[in-house]
């Protein structure tokens, strides 16, 4: 089809990869909370995420961990204590997200 628009982004597009890693309903809220509060236990994080289910929080944290954005630390105590925190990768992303937030605010003014 000659008239079909083909996006220059391919499956290997770095921008699409980044948006997949941080996109979704809850991932940005989780990253913002963890970057602001530091290492946080699961139940404390759940209380901050108003409306998220246990299933969705667990799934989102697992995906963020697999993408290298969240570090999960398990302490061998009784009961076992687990904490989540952002990685250096997310810390380097914060200035970019701050600029994106400024840009998003400018859309509200139009």
Protein backbone atom coordinates (compact mmCIF):
# COMPACT_ATOMS: atom_id res chain seq x y z
CA UNK A 1 0.00 0.00 0.00
CA UNK A 2 1.68 3.15 -1.23
CA UNK A 3 -0.47 5.51 0.89
CA UNK A 4 0.10 3.66 4.15
CA UNK A 5 2.02 5.69 6.73
CA UNK A 6 4.87 3.75 8.24
CA UNK A 7 6.23 4.96 11.56
CA UNK A 8 10.02 5.23 11.51
CA UNK A 9 10.02 3.59 14.94
CA UNK A 10 10.59 -0.12 14.81
CA UNK A 11 10.19 -2.74 17.50
CA UNK A 12 13.77 -1.93 18.51
CA UNK A 13 13.08 1.80 18.83
CA UNK A 14 14.70 3.09 22.04
CA UNK A 15 11.88 5.57 22.65
CA UNK A 16 9.23 2.85 22.41
CA UNK A 17 11.34 0.69 24.75
CA UNK A 18 11.52 3.54 27.28
CA UNK A 19 7.80 4.26 27.08
CA UNK A 20 7.00 0.58 27.54
CA UNK A 21 9.23 0.43 30.63
CA UNK A 22 7.63 3.45 32.35
CA UNK A 23 4.19 3.45 30.74
CA UNK A 24 0.98 2.08 32.07
CA UNK A 25 -1.51 3.15 34.69
CA UNK A 26 0.67 2.68 37.78
CA UNK A 27 4.36 2.53 36.90
CA UNK A 28 4.99 6.27 36.92
CA UNK A 29 3.23 6.68 40.28
CA UNK A 30 5.28 3.83 41.74
CA UNK A 31 8.54 5.30 40.44
CA UNK A 32 7.67 8.78 41.70
CA UNK A 33 6.78 7.46 45.14
CA UNK A 34 9.92 5.35 45.44
CA UNK A 35 12.19 8.11 44.14
CA UNK A 36 10.69 10.56 46.62
CA UNK A 37 10.47 8.28 49.68
CA UNK A 38 13.45 5.98 49.16
CA UNK A 39 13.34 2.29 50.03
CA UNK A 40 9.75 1.36 50.82
CA UNK A 41 8.05 -1.80 52.00
CA UNK A 42 5.30 -3.30 49.85
CA UNK A 43 2.38 -2.50 52.17
CA UNK A 44 3.57 1.09 52.68
CA UNK A 45 3.75 1.53 48.92
CA UNK A 46 0.30 0.00 48.46
CA UNK A 47 -1.18 2.50 50.94
CA UNK A 48 0.27 5.36 48.87
CA UNK A 49 -1.11 3.99 45.60
CA UNK A 50 -4.78 4.79 46.12
CA UNK A 51 -6.89 2.30 44.17
CA UNK A 52 -4.25 -0.18 43.03
CA UNK A 53 -4.94 -3.88 43.57
CA UNK A 54 -2.40 -6.26 45.08
CA UNK A 55 -2.21 -8.08 41.76
CA UNK A 56 -1.47 -4.92 39.78
CA UNK A 57 1.08 -3.61 42.28
CA UNK A 58 2.91 -6.94 42.33
CA UNK A 59 2.83 -7.16 38.52
CA UNK A 60 4.04 -3.58 38.06
CA UNK A 61 6.86 -3.99 40.59
CA UNK A 62 7.95 -7.23 38.91
CA UNK A 63 8.01 -5.56 35.48
CA UNK A 64 9.91 -2.55 36.84
CA UNK A 65 12.41 -4.89 38.46
CA UNK A 66 12.83 -6.89 35.24
CA UNK A 67 13.48 -3.64 33.36
CA UNK A 68 16.15 -2.64 35.87
CA UNK A 69 14.20 0.33 37.22
CA UNK A 70 13.39 -1.00 40.69
CA UNK A 71 15.58 -2.96 43.06
CA UNK A 72 13.94 -5.49 45.37
CA UNK A 73 15.80 -6.29 48.57
CA UNK A 74 14.72 -9.21 50.73
CA UNK A 75 15.88 -9.28 54.34
CA UNK A 76 16.01 -12.70 55.98
CA UNK A 77 14.11 -11.78 59.09
CA UNK A 78 11.04 -13.31 60.65
CA UNK A 79 8.76 -12.29 59.11
CA UNK A 80 10.67 -11.63 55.89
CA UNK A 81 10.98 -7.93 55.13
CA UNK A 82 11.04 -6.81 51.49
CA UNK A 83 11.85 -3.28 50.36
CA UNK A 84 11.71 -1.68 46.94
CA UNK A 85 13.77 1.26 45.73
CA UNK A 86 14.59 2.92 42.43
CA UNK A 87 17.85 2.19 40.68
CA UNK A 88 20.43 4.66 39.41
CA UNK A 89 18.75 4.35 36.02
CA UNK A 90 15.60 5.98 37.43
CA UNK A 91 17.61 8.58 39.34
CA UNK A 92 19.10 9.67 36.00
CA UNK A 93 15.58 9.76 34.52
CA UNK A 94 14.17 12.18 37.15
CA UNK A 95 15.44 15.39 35.46
CA UNK A 96 13.91 14.22 32.17
CA UNK A 97 10.59 13.47 33.86
CA UNK A 98 10.69 16.88 35.55
CA UNK A 99 11.09 18.54 32.15
CA UNK A 100 8.29 16.39 30.75
CA UNK A 101 6.07 17.54 33.63
CA UNK A 102 6.86 21.18 32.80
CA UNK A 103 5.96 20.50 29.19
CA UNK A 104 2.74 18.80 30.28
CA UNK A 105 1.83 21.82 32.40
CA UNK A 106 2.23 24.04 29.37
CA UNK A 107 -0.44 21.98 27.58
CA UNK A 108 -2.92 22.88 30.33
CA UNK A 109 -2.45 26.54 29.52
CA UNK A 110 -3.49 26.20 25.88
